[in-house]
Protein backbone atom coordinates (compact mmCIF):
# COMPACT_ATOMS: atom_id res chain seq x y z
CA MET A 1 0.00 0.00 0.00
CA LYS A 2 2.80 2.42 0.89
CA GLN A 3 4.36 1.95 -2.53
CA THR A 4 1.05 2.70 -4.26
CA ILE A 5 0.67 5.92 -2.27
CA GLN A 6 4.23 6.91 -3.16
CA ILE A 7 3.62 6.24 -6.86
CA LEU A 8 0.44 8.34 -6.79
CA LEU A 9 2.17 11.20 -5.00
CA ASN A 10 5.18 11.06 -7.30
CA SER A 11 2.92 11.16 -10.34
CA ALA A 12 1.62 14.52 -9.06
CA GLY A 13 5.09 15.93 -8.44
CA VAL A 14 5.22 15.26 -4.70
CA PHE A 15 8.46 13.66 -3.60
CA SER A 16 10.03 12.45 -0.36
CA HIS A 17 11.99 15.63 0.34
CA TYR A 18 8.82 17.32 1.64
CA CYS A 19 8.36 16.99 5.41
CA GLY A 20 4.70 16.07 5.07
CA TYR A 21 5.42 13.23 2.64
CA ARG A 22 5.84 10.61 5.38
CA TYR A 23 3.04 12.14 7.45
CA PHE A 24 0.61 11.97 4.54
CA ILE A 25 1.48 8.36 3.73
CA ARG A 26 1.03 7.34 7.37
CA ALA A 27 -2.25 9.27 7.61
CA VAL A 28 -3.61 7.41 4.57
CA GLU A 29 -2.45 4.08 6.00
CA LEU A 30 -4.27 4.79 9.26
CA ALA A 31 -7.43 5.78 7.37
CA VAL A 32 -7.29 2.58 5.30
CA GLN A 33 -6.92 0.47 8.46
CA ASP A 34 -10.02 2.12 9.93
CA PRO A 35 -11.95 4.58 7.72
CA THR A 36 -13.99 5.78 10.72
CA ARG A 37 -10.83 7.60 11.84
CA LEU A 38 -11.60 10.18 9.17
CA GLN A 39 -14.57 11.33 11.27
CA TYR A 40 -12.17 12.38 14.03
CA ILE A 41 -9.12 13.13 11.92
CA GLN A 42 -7.31 15.31 14.42
CA LYS A 43 -7.59 12.91 17.35
CA ALA A 44 -7.51 9.63 15.45
CA ILE A 45 -4.96 10.39 12.75
CA TYR A 46 -3.00 13.61 13.28
CA VAL A 47 -2.25 12.91 16.96
CA THR A 48 -1.09 9.38 16.10
CA VAL A 49 1.15 10.59 13.27
CA ALA A 50 2.59 13.36 15.46
CA PHE A 51 3.38 10.86 18.22
CA GLU A 52 4.97 8.35 15.81
CA TYR A 53 7.19 11.01 14.23
CA ALA A 54 7.93 12.90 17.48
CA THR A 55 6.46 16.15 16.23
CA THR A 56 3.43 18.31 16.93
CA VAL A 57 -0.11 17.98 15.62
CA THR A 58 0.25 21.51 14.22
CA SER A 59 3.29 20.43 12.19
CA VAL A 60 1.47 17.37 10.86
CA GLU A 61 -1.51 19.47 9.75
CA ARG A 62 0.67 22.17 8.18
CA ASP A 63 2.93 19.72 6.39
CA ILE A 64 0.00 17.72 5.00
CA ARG A 65 -1.44 21.00 3.67
CA THR A 66 1.94 21.60 2.00
CA ILE A 67 1.75 18.18 0.33
CA ARG A 68 -1.76 19.04 -0.88
CA ASP A 69 -0.65 22.43 -2.22
CA VAL A 70 2.37 21.01 -4.06
CA MET A 71 0.22 18.25 -5.50
CA MET A 72 -2.39 20.68 -6.79
CA ARG A 73 0.28 22.92 -8.36
CA ASN A 74 1.72 19.93 -10.21
CA GLY A 75 -1.33 18.40 -11.85
CA GLY A 76 -3.07 16.98 -8.82
CA HIS A 77 -6.45 17.96 -10.24
CA GLN A 78 -6.14 15.38 -13.01
CA LEU A 79 -4.98 12.73 -10.56
CA LEU A 80 -7.98 13.33 -8.29
CA VAL A 81 -10.39 13.19 -11.22
CA ARG A 82 -8.81 9.87 -12.23
CA MET A 83 -8.92 8.50 -8.68
CA THR A 84 -12.51 9.52 -7.96
CA GLY A 85 -14.05 9.40 -11.42
CA SER A 86 -15.58 12.79 -10.66
CA PRO A 87 -14.92 15.95 -12.67
CA VAL A 88 -15.66 18.08 -9.59
CA TRP A 89 -11.95 17.99 -8.70
CA SER A 90 -10.86 19.49 -12.04
CA ASP A 91 -11.06 22.99 -10.53
CA ARG A 92 -11.34 22.50 -6.76
CA THR A 93 -8.72 22.09 -4.08
CA PRO A 94 -9.69 19.54 -1.44
CA TYR A 95 -9.27 20.02 2.27
CA PRO A 96 -6.47 17.82 3.67
CA LYS A 97 -9.11 15.56 5.25
CA ASP A 98 -10.78 15.13 1.85
CA LEU A 99 -7.46 14.35 0.18
CA ILE A 100 -6.70 11.65 2.75
CA ALA A 101 -10.22 10.27 2.28
CA ILE A 102 -9.83 10.18 -1.52
CA PHE A 103 -6.58 8.22 -1.25
CA CYS A 104 -8.17 5.93 1.36
CA GLU A 105 -11.24 5.19 -0.77
CA TYR A 106 -9.10 4.65 -3.85
CA LEU A 107 -6.89 2.14 -2.05
CA LEU A 108 -9.83 0.33 -0.45
CA HIS A 109 -11.65 0.08 -3.78
CA ARG A 110 -8.46 -1.02 -5.52
CA LYS A 111 -7.93 -3.74 -2.91
CA GLU A 112 -11.47 -5.05 -3.43
CA THR A 113 -10.95 -5.35 -7.17
CA LEU A 114 -7.62 -7.19 -6.96
CA PRO A 115 -7.78 -10.97 -7.36
CA MET A 116 -7.26 -12.91 -4.15
CA ALA A 117 -3.85 -14.52 -3.74
CA GLN A 118 -3.94 -18.28 -3.56
């Protein structure tokens, strides 16, 4: 899953030298493990990520916004349209919570459509 997130981010011009890169990947992983965490994103995701990376919740939020902003400057609109199948993202910038949710839903749907390993 981590590799898929990295490929998606890289395709939108977001690379590992951004502080929020690891935070965003971990946030998506947590959301995929339990999508209800998105309902309480600050307590259930941002606090966990901040603790795991020995930083503050404020830094996690800010750095994930940076990832979002870089992504949207580098063609992220097209990626989101492709991931969601909805043209609404062709001219809108999602909130960080929405971006995490889009990646989460994409990965969950992708997992459901993959053939089961024998």
